[in-house]
C-alpha atoms as a PDB file:
ATOM      1  CA  MET A   1      85.693 156.415 141.527  1.00  0.00           C
ATOM      2  CA  HIS A   2      85.713 154.221 138.776  1.00  0.00           C
ATOM      3  CA  PHE A   3      87.883 151.591 137.035  1.00  0.00           C
ATOM      4  CA  TYR A   4      88.201 150.901 133.549  1.00  0.00           C
ATOM      5  CA  GLY A   5      90.272 147.740 131.871  1.00  0.00           C
ATOM      6  CA  THR A   6      91.920 146.911 128.706  1.00  0.00           C
ATOM      7  CA  ILE A   7      94.233 144.083 128.268  1.00  0.00           C
ATOM      8  CA  THR A   8      97.356 143.872 126.664  1.00  0.00           C
ATOM      9  CA  VAL A   9     100.168 140.628 126.349  1.00  0.00           C
ATOM     10  CA  ASN A  10     103.022 140.124 128.456  1.00  0.00           C
ATOM     11  CA  ALA A  11     106.192 138.692 126.447  1.00  0.00           C
ATOM     12  CA  PHE A  12     106.640 135.339 126.739  1.00  0.00           C
ATOM     13  CA  GLU A  13     110.094 133.814 127.673  1.00  0.00           C
ATOM     14  CA  GLY A  14     112.124 132.624 125.007  1.00  0.00           C
ATOM     15  CA  MET A  15     109.495 133.053 122.427  1.00  0.00           C
ATOM     16  CA  HIS A  16     108.963 135.500 119.748  1.00  0.00           C
ATOM     17  CA  HIS A  17     105.341 136.889 120.782  1.00  0.00           C
ATOM     18  CA  SER A  18     104.209 140.118 118.903  1.00  0.00           C
ATOM     19  CA  LEU A  19     100.802 141.546 118.620  1.00  0.00           C
ATOM     20  CA  ASN A  20      99.409 144.286 116.308  1.00  0.00           C
ATOM     21  CA  TYR A  21      98.077 146.487 118.861  1.00  0.00           C
ATOM     22  CA  GLN A  22      96.466 148.702 116.141  1.00  0.00           C
ATOM     23  CA  ASN A  23      94.487 145.671 114.934  1.00  0.00           C
ATOM     24  CA  MET A  24      93.343 144.722 118.553  1.00  0.00           C
ATOM     25  CA  ILE A  25      89.825 145.720 119.537  1.00  0.00           C
ATOM     26  CA  ARG A  26      90.017 148.199 122.681  1.00  0.00           C
ATOM     27  CA  VAL A  27      87.983 147.029 125.616  1.00  0.00           C
ATOM     28  CA  PHE A  28      86.863 149.613 128.292  1.00  0.00           C
ATOM     29  CA  PHE A  29      85.667 148.734 131.923  1.00  0.00           C
ATOM     30  CA  SER A  30      83.596 151.280 133.890  1.00  0.00           C
ATOM     31  CA  TYR A  31      82.902 150.033 137.599  1.00  0.00           C
ATOM     32  CA  SER A  32      82.587 151.016 141.213  1.00  0.00           C
ATOM     33  CA  HIS A  33      85.832 150.128 143.441  1.00  0.00           C
ATOM     34  CA  ILE A  34      83.625 148.083 145.622  1.00  0.00           C
ATOM     35  CA  ASP A  35      83.111 145.755 142.528  1.00  0.00           C
ATOM     36  CA  GLU A  36      87.244 145.376 141.997  1.00  0.00           C
ATOM     37  CA  SER A  37      87.040 141.540 142.776  1.00  0.00           C
ATOM     38  CA  TYR A  38      84.643 140.955 140.271  1.00  0.00           C
ATOM     39  CA  ARG A  39      86.747 142.909 137.639  1.00  0.00           C
ATOM     40  CA  ASN A  40      89.678 140.833 138.511  1.00  0.00           C
ATOM     41  CA  GLU A  41      87.902 137.701 137.966  1.00  0.00           C
ATOM     42  CA  LEU A  42      86.315 139.166 134.632  1.00  0.00           C
ATOM     43  CA  GLU A  43      89.853 139.903 133.411  1.00  0.00           C
ATOM     44  CA  LYS A  44      91.255 136.400 133.992  1.00  0.00           C
ATOM     45  CA  HIS A  45      88.625 134.946 131.669  1.00  0.00           C
ATOM     46  CA  LEU A  46      89.391 137.743 129.304  1.00  0.00           C
ATOM     47  CA  MET A  47      92.791 136.729 129.240  1.00  0.00           C
ATOM     48  CA  SER A  48      92.026 133.929 126.450  1.00  0.00           C
ATOM     49  CA  LEU A  49      90.863 136.861 124.176  1.00  0.00           C
ATOM     50  CA  GLN A  50      94.127 138.947 124.767  1.00  0.00           C
ATOM     51  CA  TYR A  51      96.370 135.611 123.959  1.00  0.00           C
ATOM     52  CA  GLN A  52      94.548 135.228 120.734  1.00  0.00           C
ATOM     53  CA  GLY A  53      95.406 139.005 119.754  1.00  0.00           C
ATOM     54  CA  ILE A  54      91.637 139.624 119.883  1.00  0.00           C
ATOM     55  CA  ILE A  55      91.486 142.261 122.475  1.00  0.00           C
ATOM     56  CA  GLU A  56      93.608 144.556 124.281  1.00  0.00           C
ATOM     57  CA  SER A  57      92.003 146.387 127.674  1.00  0.00           C
ATOM     58  CA  TRP A  58      92.972 149.382 130.136  1.00  0.00           C
ATOM     59  CA  HIS A  59      91.954 150.150 133.621  1.00  0.00           C
ATOM     60  CA  ASP A  60      93.102 153.038 135.654  1.00  0.00           C
ATOM     61  CA  ARG A  61      95.658 150.724 137.844  1.00  0.00           C
ATOM     62  CA  ARG A  62      97.699 151.090 134.850  1.00  0.00           C
ATOM     63  CA  ILE A  63      98.017 155.019 135.556  1.00  0.00           C
ATOM     64  CA  VAL A  64     101.492 155.504 136.304  1.00  0.00           C
ATOM     65  CA  VAL A  65     102.845 158.352 138.856  1.00  0.00           C
ATOM     66  CA  GLY A  66     102.874 161.562 137.824  1.00  0.00           C
ATOM     67  CA  GLU A  67     100.429 161.132 134.938  1.00  0.00           C
ATOM     68  CA  GLU A  68      97.323 163.327 134.941  1.00  0.00           C
ATOM     69  CA  TRP A  69      94.483 160.500 135.416  1.00  0.00           C
ATOM     70  CA  ALA A  70      91.350 162.426 134.233  1.00  0.00           C
ATOM     71  CA  ASN A  71      93.200 162.966 130.982  1.00  0.00           C
ATOM     72  CA  ARG A  72      94.482 159.580 130.498  1.00  0.00           C
ATOM     73  CA  ILE A  73      91.033 158.163 131.346  1.00  0.00           C
ATOM     74  CA  ASP A  74      89.254 160.447 128.767  1.00  0.00           C
ATOM     75  CA  ASP A  75      91.791 159.236 126.181  1.00  0.00           C
ATOM     76  CA  GLU A  76      91.165 155.679 127.080  1.00  0.00           C
ATOM     77  CA  LEU A  77      87.506 156.203 127.269  1.00  0.00           C
ATOM     78  CA  TYR A  78      87.232 158.071 123.847  1.00  0.00           C
ATOM     79  CA  SER A  79      89.447 155.363 121.940  1.00  0.00           C
ATOM     80  CA  ALA A  80      87.482 152.557 123.314  1.00  0.00           C
ATOM     81  CA  ASP A  81      85.839 150.061 120.788  1.00  0.00           C
ATOM     82  CA  ILE A  82      84.013 148.418 123.497  1.00  0.00           C
ATOM     83  CA  ILE A  83      82.702 149.853 126.653  1.00  0.00           C
ATOM     84  CA  LEU A  84      81.690 147.273 129.592  1.00  0.00           C
ATOM     85  CA  LEU A  85      79.141 149.016 132.170  1.00  0.00           C
ATOM     86  CA  LEU A  86      79.928 146.720 135.261  1.00  0.00           C
ATOM     87  CA  VAL A  87      76.569 147.448 136.900  1.00  0.00           C
ATOM     88  CA  SER A  88      75.517 147.325 140.426  1.00  0.00           C
ATOM     89  CA  SER A  89      74.122 149.459 142.995  1.00  0.00           C
ATOM     90  CA  ASP A  90      77.310 151.039 143.798  1.00  0.00           C
ATOM     91  CA  PHE A  91      78.320 151.867 140.169  1.00  0.00           C
ATOM     92  CA  ILE A  92      74.767 153.878 139.765  1.00  0.00           C
ATOM     93  CA  ALA A  93      75.224 155.544 143.486  1.00  0.00           C
ATOM     94  CA  SER A  94      78.820 156.877 141.929  1.00  0.00           C
ATOM     95  CA  ARG A  95      78.329 160.119 140.233  1.00  0.00           C
ATOM     96  CA  TYR A  96      81.424 159.819 138.349  1.00  0.00           C
ATOM     97  CA  CYS A  97      80.760 156.393 137.141  1.00  0.00           C
ATOM     98  CA  TYR A  98      76.928 157.238 136.166  1.00  0.00           C
ATOM     99  CA  GLU A  99      77.103 160.862 135.042  1.00  0.00           C
ATOM    100  CA  VAL A 100      80.260 161.188 133.462  1.00  0.00           C
ATOM    101  CA  GLU A 101      81.574 157.859 132.036  1.00  0.00           C
ATOM    102  CA  MET A 102      78.339 156.202 131.592  1.00  0.00           C
ATOM    103  CA  ILE A 103      77.139 159.374 129.574  1.00  0.00           C
ATOM    104  CA  GLU A 104      79.865 159.542 127.501  1.00  0.00           C
ATOM    105  CA  ALA A 105      79.643 155.888 126.633  1.00  0.00           C
ATOM    106  CA  LEU A 106      76.223 156.166 125.666  1.00  0.00           C
ATOM    107  CA  ALA A 107      77.144 159.381 123.526  1.00  0.00           C
ATOM    108  CA  ARG A 108      79.638 157.271 121.471  1.00  0.00           C
ATOM    109  CA  HIS A 109      77.227 154.315 121.454  1.00  0.00           C
ATOM    110  CA  ASP A 110      74.648 156.357 119.846  1.00  0.00           C
ATOM    111  CA  ARG A 111      77.260 157.970 117.515  1.00  0.00           C
ATOM    112  CA  GLY A 112      78.238 154.195 116.251  1.00  0.00           C
ATOM    113  CA  GLU A 113      81.891 154.985 117.648  1.00  0.00           C
ATOM    114  CA  ALA A 114      81.604 152.383 120.392  1.00  0.00           C
ATOM    115  CA  VAL A 115      79.651 149.244 121.569  1.00  0.00           C
ATOM    116  CA  VAL A 116      78.194 149.715 125.266  1.00  0.00           C
ATOM    117  CA  ILE A 117      77.262 146.300 126.753  1.00  0.00           C
ATOM    118  CA  PRO A 118      75.905 146.410 130.319  1.00  0.00           C
ATOM    119  CA  VAL A 119      77.172 143.278 132.634  1.00  0.00           C
ATOM    120  CA  ILE A 120      74.949 143.109 135.647  1.00  0.00           C
ATOM    121  CA  LEU A 121      77.043 142.126 138.626  1.00  0.00           C
ATOM    122  CA  ARG A 122      74.306 142.314 141.412  1.00  0.00           C
ATOM    123  CA  SER A 123      70.926 142.920 141.788  1.00  0.00           C
ATOM    124  CA  CYS A 124      69.986 146.466 141.302  1.00  0.00           C
ATOM    125  CA  HIS A 125      67.179 148.428 139.524  1.00  0.00           C
ATOM    126  CA  TRP A 126      68.832 149.239 136.090  1.00  0.00           C
ATOM    127  CA  LYS A 127      66.345 148.462 133.584  1.00  0.00           C
ATOM    128  CA  GLY A 128      64.754 152.127 133.571  1.00  0.00           C
ATOM    129  CA  LEU A 129      67.839 153.667 133.581  1.00  0.00           C
ATOM    130  CA  PRO A 130      69.390 154.940 129.974  1.00  0.00           C
ATOM    131  CA  PHE A 131      71.237 151.883 129.312  1.00  0.00           C
ATOM    132  CA  GLY A 132      68.400 149.697 130.226  1.00  0.00           C
ATOM    133  CA  ASN A 133      67.429 149.319 126.548  1.00  0.00           C
ATOM    134  CA  LEU A 134      70.483 147.961 125.757  1.00  0.00           C
ATOM    135  CA  GLN A 135      71.452 143.993 125.636  1.00  0.00           C
ATOM    136  CA  ALA A 136      73.190 143.013 128.633  1.00  0.00           C
ATOM    137  CA  ALA A 137      76.275 140.448 128.916  1.00  0.00           C
ATOM    138  CA  THR A 138      74.297 137.954 130.462  1.00  0.00           C
ATOM    139  CA  LYS A 139      70.993 136.150 129.447  1.00  0.00           C
ATOM    140  CA  ASP A 140      67.899 138.294 130.517  1.00  0.00           C
ATOM    141  CA  GLY A 141      70.191 140.553 132.565  1.00  0.00           C
ATOM    142  CA  LYS A 142      70.840 137.895 135.139  1.00  0.00           C
ATOM    143  CA  PRO A 143      73.262 139.140 137.727  1.00  0.00           C
ATOM    144  CA  VAL A 144      76.505 137.498 138.197  1.00  0.00           C
ATOM    145  CA  GLU A 145      76.152 136.759 141.963  1.00  0.00           C
ATOM    146  CA  LYS A 146      72.809 134.461 140.681  1.00  0.00           C
ATOM    147  CA  TYR A 147      75.029 132.195 139.059  1.00  0.00           C
ATOM    148  CA  SER A 148      76.088 129.144 140.729  1.00  0.00           C
ATOM    149  CA  SER A 149      79.531 129.794 140.116  1.00  0.00           C
ATOM    150  CA  LEU A 150      81.351 133.062 139.001  1.00  0.00           C
ATOM    151  CA  ASP A 151      83.058 131.063 136.298  1.00  0.00           C
ATOM    152  CA  ASP A 152      79.858 130.108 134.754  1.00  0.00           C
ATOM    153  CA  ALA A 153      78.780 133.727 134.452  1.00  0.00           C
ATOM    154  CA  PHE A 154      82.011 134.864 133.175  1.00  0.00           C
ATOM    155  CA  LEU A 155      82.557 132.421 130.776  1.00  0.00           C
ATOM    156  CA  GLU A 156      79.210 133.375 129.137  1.00  0.00           C
ATOM    157  CA  ILE A 157      80.385 137.221 129.328  1.00  0.00           C
ATOM    158  CA  THR A 158      83.495 136.460 127.836  1.00  0.00           C
ATOM    159  CA  GLU A 159      81.926 134.514 124.898  1.00  0.00           C
ATOM    160  CA  GLY A 160      79.654 137.645 124.157  1.00  0.00           C
ATOM    161  CA  ILE A 161      82.464 139.953 124.378  1.00  0.00           C
ATOM    162  CA  GLU A 162      84.421 137.730 121.938  1.00  0.00           C
ATOM    163  CA  ALA A 163      81.394 137.491 119.681  1.00  0.00           C
ATOM    164  CA  VAL A 164      81.146 141.823 119.670  1.00  0.00           C
ATOM    165  CA  ALA A 165      84.837 142.227 119.238  1.00  0.00           C
ATOM    166  CA  LYS A 166      84.746 139.660 116.011  1.00  0.00           C
ATOM    167  CA  ARG A 167      82.126 141.616 114.733  1.00  0.00           C
ATOM    168  CA  ILE A 168      83.833 144.890 115.076  1.00  0.00           C
ATOM    169  CA  SER A 169      86.902 143.511 113.715  1.00  0.00           C
ATOM    170  CA  ALA A 170      85.169 142.291 110.411  1.00  0.00           C
ATOM    171  CA  SER A 171      83.331 145.367 109.827  1.00  0.00           C
ATOM    172  CA  SER A 172      86.283 147.684 110.544  1.00  0.00           C
ATOM    173  CA  LYS A 173      88.966 145.484 108.750  1.00  0.00           C
ATOM    174  CA  LYS A 174      90.786 144.700 111.801  1.00  0.00           C
ATOM    175  CA  THR A 175      92.664 141.399 112.015  1.00  0.00           C
ATOM    176  CA  PRO A 176      93.942 140.081 115.174  1.00  0.00           C
ATOM    177  CA  VAL A 177      97.855 139.328 114.311  1.00  0.00           C
ATOM    178  CA  MET A 178      99.736 136.965 116.431  1.00  0.00           C
ATOM    179  CA  THR A 179     102.920 134.997 115.935  1.00  0.00           C
ATOM    180  CA  ILE A 180     104.943 132.690 117.619  1.00  0.00           C
ATOM    181  CA  GLY A 181     107.908 131.460 117.246  1.00  0.00           C
ATOM    182  CA  PRO A 182     109.391 128.121 117.129  1.00  0.00           C
ATOM    183  CA  TYR A 183     110.884 127.752 120.500  1.00  0.00           C
ATOM    184  CA  ALA A 184     107.963 129.094 122.591  1.00  0.00           C
ATOM    185  CA  LYS A 185     107.837 128.180 126.149  1.00  0.00           C
ATOM    186  CA  THR A 186     105.048 129.161 128.591  1.00  0.00           C
ATOM    187  CA  ALA A 187     106.880 130.648 131.249  1.00  0.00           C
ATOM    188  CA  PHE A 188     106.504 134.493 131.351  1.00  0.00           C
ATOM    189  CA  ALA A 189     109.563 137.074 131.097  1.00  0.00           C
ATOM    190  CA  GLN A 190     109.916 139.737 133.539  1.00  0.00           C
ATOM    191  CA  ALA A 191     107.886 142.570 132.729  1.00  0.00           C
ATOM    192  CA  GLU A 192     110.086 145.586 131.343  1.00  0.00           C
ATOM    193  CA  PRO A 193     109.656 149.006 133.164  1.00  0.00           C
ATOM    194  CA  VAL A 194     106.284 150.492 132.803  1.00  0.00           C
ATOM    195  CA  LYS A 195     105.778 153.762 130.142  1.00  0.00           C
ATOM    196  CA  SER A 196     102.789 155.472 130.412  1.00  0.00           C
ATOM    197  CA  ASN A 197     102.210 154.885 126.595  1.00  0.00           C
ATOM    198  CA  SER A 198     103.947 151.151 126.380  1.00  0.00           C
ATOM    199  CA  PRO A 199     101.730 147.994 126.432  1.00  0.00           C
ATOM    200  CA  ARG A 200     101.827 145.463 129.162  1.00  0.00           C
ATOM    201  CA  SER A 201      99.616 143.098 130.958  1.00  0.00           C
ATOM    202  CA  SER A 202      96.360 144.028 132.831  1.00  0.00           C
ATOM    203  CA  ASN A 203      96.752 141.088 134.606  1.00  0.00           C
ATOM    204  CA  LEU A 204      98.719 142.143 137.579  1.00  0.00           C
ATOM    205  CA  ALA A 205      96.490 141.472 140.520  1.00  0.00           C
ATOM    206  CA  ILE A 206      97.726 140.233 143.663  1.00  0.00           C
ATOM    207  CA  SER A 207      96.361 137.353 145.746  1.00  0.00           C
ATOM    208  CA  LYS A 208      94.230 139.316 148.505  1.00  0.00           C
ATOM    209  CA  SER A 209      94.249 138.120 151.970  1.00  0.00           C
ATOM    210  CA  PHE A 210      90.897 137.410 153.940  1.00  0.00           C
ATOM    211  CA  SER A 211      90.636 138.169 157.641  1.00  0.00           C
ATOM    212  CA  ASP A 212      88.715 135.938 159.978  1.00  0.00           C
ATOM    213  CA  HIS A 213      85.934 138.916 160.041  1.00  0.00           C
ATOM    214  CA  ASP A 214      85.810 138.631 156.332  1.00  0.00           C
ATOM    215  CA  ARG A 215      85.214 135.002 156.503  1.00  0.00           C
ATOM    216  CA  ASP A 216      82.762 134.891 159.214  1.00  0.00           C
ATOM    217  CA  ILE A 217      80.607 137.584 157.682  1.00  0.00           C
ATOM    218  CA  PHE A 218      80.579 135.884 154.194  1.00  0.00           C
ATOM    219  CA  ILE A 219      79.495 132.578 155.471  1.00  0.00           C
ATOM    220  CA  SER A 220      77.100 133.979 157.806  1.00  0.00           C
ATOM    221  CA  ASN A 221      75.447 135.891 154.575  1.00  0.00           C
ATOM    222  CA  ALA A 222      75.474 132.443 152.912  1.00  0.00           C
ATOM    223  CA  PHE A 223      73.791 130.541 155.382  1.00  0.00           C
ATOM    224  CA  ASN A 224      70.895 133.096 155.899  1.00  0.00           C
ATOM    225  CA  TYR A 225      70.665 133.327 152.029  1.00  0.00           C
ATOM    226  CA  ILE A 226      70.295 129.439 151.823  1.00  0.00           C
ATOM    227  CA  ALA A 227      67.758 129.645 154.658  1.00  0.00           C
ATOM    228  CA  SER A 228      65.700 132.192 152.725  1.00  0.00           C
ATOM    229  CA  LEU A 229      65.585 130.302 149.530  1.00  0.00           C
ATOM    230  CA  PHE A 230      64.595 127.066 151.558  1.00  0.00           C
ATOM    231  CA  GLU A 231      61.620 129.076 153.083  1.00  0.00           C
ATOM    232  CA  ASN A 232      60.552 130.934 149.669  1.00  0.00           C
ATOM    233  CA  SER A 233      60.862 127.701 147.840  1.00  0.00           C
ATOM    234  CA  LEU A 234      58.956 125.456 150.356  1.00  0.00           C
ATOM    235  CA  ASN A 235      56.070 128.180 150.339  1.00  0.00           C
ATOM    236  CA  GLU A 236      56.138 128.109 146.563  1.00  0.00           C
ATOM    237  CA  ILE A 237      56.048 124.478 146.450  1.00  0.00           C
ATOM    238  CA  LYS A 238      52.807 124.213 148.665  1.00  0.00           C
ATOM    239  CA  GLU A 239      50.936 126.826 146.625  1.00  0.00           C
ATOM    240  CA  ARG A 240      51.503 125.089 143.402  1.00  0.00           C
ATOM    241  CA  ASN A 241      50.842 121.562 144.369  1.00  0.00           C
ATOM    242  CA  GLN A 242      47.832 119.857 145.613  1.00  0.00           C
ATOM    243  CA  GLY A 243      48.429 117.350 148.328  1.00  0.00           C
ATOM    244  CA  ILE A 244      51.724 118.953 149.073  1.00  0.00           C
ATOM    245  CA  ASN A 245      52.608 120.302 152.659  1.00  0.00           C
ATOM    246  CA  THR A 246      55.249 122.045 153.825  1.00  0.00           C
ATOM    247  CA  HIS A 247      57.239 123.210 156.971  1.00  0.00           C
ATOM    248  CA  PHE A 248      60.337 125.358 157.992  1.00  0.00           C
ATOM    249  CA  GLU A 249      61.509 126.227 161.055  1.00  0.00           C
ATOM    250  CA  ARG A 250      64.244 128.268 161.892  1.00  0.00           C
ATOM    251  CA  VAL A 251      65.511 126.650 165.089  1.00  0.00           C
ATOM    252  CA  ASP A 252      68.095 129.650 165.899  1.00  0.00           C
ATOM    253  CA  ALA A 253      70.388 132.013 164.035  1.00  0.00           C
ATOM    254  CA  ARG A 254      72.799 129.244 163.072  1.00  0.00           C
ATOM    255  CA  SER A 255      70.268 126.186 161.938  1.00  0.00           C
ATOM    256  CA  PHE A 256      66.915 125.370 160.032  1.00  0.00           C
ATOM    257  CA  GLU A 257      64.869 122.360 159.340  1.00  0.00           C
ATOM    258  CA  ALA A 258      63.014 121.832 156.144  1.00  0.00           C
ATOM    259  CA  THR A 259      60.281 119.194 155.690  1.00  0.00           C
ATOM    260  CA  ILE A 260      57.871 118.272 152.697  1.00  0.00           C
ATOM    261  CA  TYR A 261      54.744 116.279 153.122  1.00  0.00           C
ATOM    262  CA  ARG A 262      52.817 114.517 150.320  1.00  0.00           C
ATOM    263  CA  ASN A 263      49.268 113.561 151.218  1.00  0.00           C
ATOM    264  CA  GLY A 264      50.608 113.975 155.084  1.00  0.00           C
ATOM    265  CA  SER A 265      53.456 111.535 154.722  1.00  0.00           C
ATOM    266  CA  GLN A 266      56.816 112.937 155.219  1.00  0.00           C
ATOM    267  CA  VAL A 267      58.869 112.350 151.894  1.00  0.00           C
ATOM    268  CA  SER A 268      62.107 114.757 152.604  1.00  0.00           C
ATOM    269  CA  LYS A 269      63.634 116.251 155.449  1.00  0.00           C
ATOM    270  CA  CYS A 270      66.649 118.307 156.084  1.00  0.00           C
ATOM    271  CA  GLY A 271      68.614 119.868 158.867  1.00  0.00           C
ATOM    272  CA  ILE A 272      71.305 122.539 157.640  1.00  0.00           C
ATOM    273  CA  TRP A 273      73.408 124.622 160.251  1.00  0.00           C
ATOM    274  CA  LEU A 274      76.747 126.653 160.723  1.00  0.00           C
ATOM    275  CA  GLY A 275      79.513 124.662 161.877  1.00  0.00           C
ATOM    276  CA  THR A 276      83.400 124.909 162.900  1.00  0.00           C
ATOM    277  CA  SER A 277      86.104 123.053 161.809  1.00  0.00           C
ATOM    278  CA  PHE A 278      88.924 122.072 163.932  1.00  0.00           C
ATOM    279  CA  GLY A 279      91.450 124.775 164.670  1.00  0.00           C
ATOM    280  CA  SER A 280      88.922 127.530 163.019  1.00  0.00           C
ATOM    281  CA  ARG A 281      88.141 130.429 165.104  1.00  0.00           C
ATOM    282  CA  GLY A 282      84.540 130.875 163.943  1.00  0.00           C
ATOM    283  CA  SER A 283      82.212 129.407 161.699  1.00  0.00           C
ATOM    284  CA  SER A 284      83.675 127.867 158.769  1.00  0.00           C
ATOM    285  CA  SER A 285      81.244 125.327 157.418  1.00  0.00           C
ATOM    286  CA  ILE A 286      77.440 124.918 156.333  1.00  0.00           C
ATOM    287  CA  SER A 287      76.680 121.330 157.180  1.00  0.00           C
ATOM    288  CA  TYR A 288      73.632 119.442 155.592  1.00  0.00           C
ATOM    289  CA  SER A 289      71.879 116.127 156.832  1.00  0.00           C
ATOM    290  CA  CYS A 290      68.992 114.136 155.626  1.00  0.00           C
ATOM    291  CA  SER A 291      67.783 113.374 158.999  1.00  0.00           C
ATOM    292  CA  GLY A 292      67.428 116.749 160.239  1.00  0.00           C
ATOM    293  CA  LEU A 293      69.362 118.544 163.125  1.00  0.00           C
ATOM    294  CA  GLY A 294      69.183 115.578 165.652  1.00  0.00           C
ATOM    295  CA  GLU A 295      72.304 115.697 167.373  1.00  0.00           C
ATOM    296  CA  ARG A 296      74.263 117.052 164.611  1.00  0.00           C
ATOM    297  CA  ASN A 297      77.169 114.305 165.021  1.00  0.00           C
ATOM    298  CA  SER A 298      76.398 113.097 161.760  1.00  0.00           C
ATOM    299  CA  LEU A 299      75.984 114.753 158.106  1.00  0.00           C
ATOM    300  CA  ASN A 300      75.751 113.922 154.437  1.00  0.00           C
ATOM    301  CA  GLU A 301      77.328 116.726 152.990  1.00  0.00           C
ATOM    302  CA  SER A 302      79.116 120.103 154.283  1.00  0.00           C
ATOM    303  CA  MET A 303      80.564 123.357 152.356  1.00  0.00           C
ATOM    304  CA  SER A 304      83.648 124.936 153.659  1.00  0.00           C
ATOM    305  CA  VAL A 305      84.753 128.722 153.039  1.00  0.00           C
ATOM    306  CA  GLU A 306      87.489 128.994 150.581  1.00  0.00           C
ATOM    307  CA  ASP A 307      89.129 131.753 148.619  1.00  0.00           C
ATOM    308  CA  ASN A 308      90.872 131.753 145.209  1.00  0.00           C
ATOM    309  CA  GLY A 309      93.130 134.485 145.670  1.00  0.00           C
ATOM    310  CA  ASN A 310      90.391 137.115 144.803  1.00  0.00           C
ATOM    311  CA  ILE A 311      87.093 136.187 146.152  1.00  0.00           C
ATOM    312  CA  LEU A 312      85.530 134.115 148.730  1.00  0.00           C
ATOM    313  CA  GLY A 313      83.214 131.256 147.984  1.00  0.00           C
ATOM    314  CA  LEU A 314      81.891 127.858 149.241  1.00  0.00           C
ATOM    315  CA  LYS A 315      83.379 124.461 148.285  1.00  0.00           C
ATOM    316  CA  PRO A 316      81.409 121.411 148.795  1.00  0.00           C
ATOM    317  CA  MET A 317      83.015 118.165 149.901  1.00  0.00           C
ATOM    318  CA  GLY A 318      81.324 116.525 146.971  1.00  0.00           C
ATOM    319  CA  MET A 319      79.795 113.410 148.953  1.00  0.00           C
ATOM    320  CA  ARG A 320      76.509 114.023 147.214  1.00  0.00           C
ATOM    321  CA  LEU A 321      77.894 114.214 143.935  1.00  0.00           C
ATOM    322  CA  SER A 322      78.347 111.325 141.390  1.00  0.00           C
ATOM    323  CA  ASN A 323      81.830 112.851 140.493  1.00  0.00           C
ATOM    324  CA  PRO A 324      83.225 114.350 143.754  1.00  0.00           C
ATOM    325  CA  GLN A 325      86.202 115.894 141.747  1.00  0.00           C
ATOM    326  CA  ARG A 326      83.703 118.268 140.082  1.00  0.00           C
ATOM    327  CA  ALA A 327      83.195 120.004 143.658  1.00  0.00           C
ATOM    328  CA  LYS A 328      86.953 120.817 143.556  1.00  0.00           C
ATOM    329  CA  LYS A 329      86.669 123.043 140.235  1.00  0.00           C
ATOM    330  CA  SER A 330      85.141 126.156 141.109  1.00  0.00           C
ATOM    331  CA  LEU A 331      83.955 128.246 144.049  1.00  0.00           C
ATOM    332  CA  LEU A 332      80.114 128.441 144.549  1.00  0.00           C
ATOM    333  CA  THR A 333      78.405 131.420 144.823  1.00  0.00           C
ATOM    334  CA  ASN A 334      75.728 131.994 147.587  1.00  0.00           C
ATOM    335  CA  GLN A 335      72.985 131.185 145.016  1.00  0.00           C
ATOM    336  CA  GLY A 336      74.930 127.896 143.716  1.00  0.00           C
ATOM    337  CA  ALA A 337      75.273 126.588 147.355  1.00  0.00           C
ATOM    338  CA  ALA A 338      71.574 127.249 148.131  1.00  0.00           C
ATOM    339  CA  GLU A 339      70.514 125.351 144.928  1.00  0.00           C
ATOM    340  CA  TYR A 340      73.351 122.706 145.648  1.00  0.00           C
ATOM    341  CA  TYR A 341      71.626 122.029 148.914  1.00  0.00           C
ATOM    342  CA  TRP A 342      68.073 122.063 147.455  1.00  0.00           C
ATOM    343  CA  SER A 343      68.668 119.803 144.748  1.00  0.00           C
ATOM    344  CA  ILE A 344      69.670 117.197 147.327  1.00  0.00           C
ATOM    345  CA  PHE A 345      66.888 117.668 149.616  1.00  0.00           C
ATOM    346  CA  PHE A 346      64.248 117.953 146.337  1.00  0.00           C
ATOM    347  CA  GLU A 347      65.642 114.597 144.837  1.00  0.00           C
ATOM    348  CA  PRO A 348      63.480 112.385 146.893  1.00  0.00           C
ATOM    349  CA  ILE A 349      60.227 114.491 145.447  1.00  0.00           C
ATOM    350  CA  LYS A 350      61.040 114.284 142.055  1.00  0.00           C
ATOM    351  CA  GLY A 351      61.533 110.330 142.172  1.00  0.00           C
ATOM    352  CA  GLY A 352      58.326 109.981 144.128  1.00  0.00           C
END
């Protein structure tokens, strides 16, 4: 199964807000059900382009009851100006996404009818595939999951889509048109009843709830990712630098210690472990101590599992940040969390 997206606009309460839909660039998303949370996050970022009258988008959540979904999807695919392939192992494994939508998307790209942009969501073997020669939405095709935060990744992707949309508009004489009356307000009006051909917002995602099981699996995977990054990085440092020795010890399934020595003298050490917060039913934090594991009764930083209504992520307390408020701005991915703790651990080495 697959998903597509095209963004249209809501009416603002108490304002005259009109968009010329014929002049907007149509963006079409193809992706796996498994990656729906990524689609939701990307749509949030693309709303800025919608408000400016640059793009509109469509996805199959907008198919209404009784509508022939296959025909509607074909119509949207054939009329799109930009086709985004949200690539992951699940996208590649989906016969419908890969053998139907992707093939037609590339055919339209080759005919100059549309621009296909691969968006690499998760690490997978994609460069040898038919779209592997196309410029990906992120630099060097870096997977979204490898960014410190999804906001950083989707900002870069949104800027790329904006550039392509403006280029298409310029070449086809499409000009975004948006007029706002003098009494504009920021509140949205209640949407009109949905009709199959009536424009409406794609921003209809309902906040997702996460179970204790979801959170336990997420934080366990995050901890294992951090441990793996530390172990691999320590091995790499030792190989690259004379006089440097390292030690990594996985004490148990819930904790590890890491140490770096220069000319036999310890220059940095840390202990990282899975912890629990008061009232939690399972592991809910990943704590860091500059003195190692010890009795685990003191720490220098801690991250907790939180969600933004769509995805789970890690949020540091900010004890080691010069501006603790930065820690509250966005959720960290596994990569971002691991890099954050590594930066704390590696600081004494850089200063020495």
